[in-house]
Amino acid sequence: PEFTEAGAKPPITWLIPGMAVAKQWMFETAGFKDVLKITKEEAVEVYEKWAAEVKAEVPAERLLVHQSQDGWPPLCRALKVADADCPSTLGELYPRGPNDREN
């Protein structure tokens, strides 16, 4: 299956001249072979390569690989927010999107 080309169609190309060229450069720089035919498999491959590069480059003590099911506590710790001020302590639920999974 191919992803839609939302950024390569009007009105974006009308509003932002050069958007198609910039988008092509961005995707090619990221490692996509054919910007107009990005498959889900290729997107996953490029993402996993990028994630591995980030994990190799960023010191472990400065890196947070956050999963939405982890909720607020890891974010609060990484941002050095006091436990008393962390949204989970204050009863605020972690925001969930329609694609979030409970597992």
Protein backbone atom coordinates (compact mmCIF):
# COMPACT_ATOMS: atom_id res chain seq x y z
CA PRO A 1 0.00 0.00 0.00
CA GLU A 2 1.19 3.53 -0.76
CA PHE A 3 0.84 6.60 1.42
CA THR A 4 -1.00 9.62 0.04
CA GLU A 5 1.00 12.53 -1.23
CA ALA A 6 -0.74 15.24 0.81
CA GLY A 7 2.19 17.68 0.67
CA ALA A 8 2.58 17.41 -3.11
CA LYS A 9 -0.93 18.46 -4.06
CA PRO A 10 -2.84 21.75 -4.05
CA PRO A 11 -3.52 23.75 -1.91
CA ILE A 12 -0.13 23.14 -0.22
CA THR A 13 1.82 23.60 -3.46
CA TRP A 14 -0.10 26.81 -4.17
CA LEU A 15 0.41 28.22 -0.68
CA ILE A 16 4.08 27.32 -0.35
CA PRO A 17 6.01 27.59 -3.62
CA GLY A 18 8.88 25.12 -3.71
CA MET A 19 7.19 22.77 -1.23
CA ALA A 20 7.40 19.81 -3.61
CA VAL A 21 11.15 20.30 -4.10
CA ALA A 22 11.74 20.74 -0.37
CA LYS A 23 9.65 17.68 0.39
CA GLN A 24 11.52 15.58 -2.16
CA TRP A 25 14.87 16.65 -0.67
CA MET A 26 13.64 15.87 2.84
CA PHE A 27 12.41 12.39 1.96
CA GLU A 28 15.51 11.54 -0.10
CA THR A 29 17.75 12.74 2.72
CA ALA A 30 15.82 10.51 5.12
CA GLY A 31 16.53 7.52 2.89
CA PHE A 32 13.37 6.98 0.85
CA LYS A 33 14.11 5.62 -2.63
CA ASP A 34 11.08 6.91 -4.53
CA VAL A 35 9.35 9.87 -2.93
CA LEU A 36 6.17 9.32 -4.93
CA LYS A 37 5.79 5.64 -3.99
CA ILE A 38 6.56 5.25 -0.31
CA THR A 39 5.37 1.91 1.00
CA LYS A 40 4.56 1.12 4.61
CA GLU A 41 7.46 -1.35 4.69
CA GLU A 42 9.90 1.29 3.46
CA ALA A 43 8.59 3.84 5.98
CA VAL A 44 9.11 1.34 8.81
CA GLU A 45 12.62 0.52 7.56
CA VAL A 46 13.61 4.21 7.32
CA TYR A 47 12.12 4.94 10.76
CA GLU A 48 13.93 2.01 12.40
CA LYS A 49 17.23 3.07 10.81
CA TRP A 50 16.73 6.64 12.03
CA ALA A 51 15.78 5.46 15.55
CA ALA A 52 18.93 3.29 15.73
CA GLU A 53 21.07 6.27 14.65
CA VAL A 54 19.51 8.47 17.34
CA LYS A 55 20.04 5.80 20.02
CA ALA A 56 23.68 5.38 18.94
CA GLU A 57 24.34 9.13 18.89
CA VAL A 58 22.49 10.47 21.95
CA PRO A 59 23.93 9.60 25.38
CA ALA A 60 21.62 7.23 27.26
CA GLU A 61 21.25 9.64 30.19
CA ARG A 62 19.88 12.30 27.79
CA LEU A 63 17.60 10.04 25.74
CA LEU A 64 13.98 9.21 26.44
CA VAL A 65 12.34 6.66 24.16
CA HIS A 66 8.76 7.28 25.19
CA GLN A 67 5.82 4.96 24.64
CA SER A 68 2.38 6.46 25.15
CA GLN A 69 1.35 3.56 27.40
CA ASP A 70 4.10 4.69 29.83
CA GLY A 71 2.08 7.81 30.58
CA TRP A 72 3.34 10.92 32.37
CA PRO A 73 5.96 9.61 34.86
CA PRO A 74 8.86 9.02 32.41
CA LEU A 75 8.25 12.42 30.80
CA CYS A 76 8.18 14.15 34.17
CA ARG A 77 11.43 12.44 35.23
CA ALA A 78 13.17 13.32 31.94
CA LEU A 79 12.02 16.95 32.19
CA LYS A 80 12.90 17.09 35.90
CA VAL A 81 9.34 17.96 36.89
CA ALA A 82 8.79 17.43 40.61
CA ASP A 83 6.59 14.44 41.46
CA ALA A 84 4.09 16.76 43.14
CA ASP A 85 3.74 18.74 39.88
CA CYS A 86 3.57 15.77 37.51
CA PRO A 87 0.16 15.64 35.79
CA SER A 88 -0.35 11.99 36.80
CA THR A 89 0.05 12.94 40.48
CA LEU A 90 -2.48 15.71 39.95
CA GLY A 91 -4.98 13.23 38.52
CA GLU A 92 -4.62 14.28 34.88
CA LEU A 93 -4.92 11.36 32.49
CA TYR A 94 -2.32 10.96 29.78
CA PRO A 95 -3.79 12.05 26.43
CA ARG A 96 -4.77 9.19 24.15
CA GLY A 97 -5.27 9.29 20.41
CA PRO A 98 -7.51 7.10 18.27
CA ASN A 99 -4.50 4.97 17.25
CA ASP A 100 -3.16 4.33 20.75
CA ARG A 101 -3.14 0.75 21.90
CA GLU A 102 -3.60 -0.27 25.49
CA ASN A 103 -0.84 -2.91 25.41
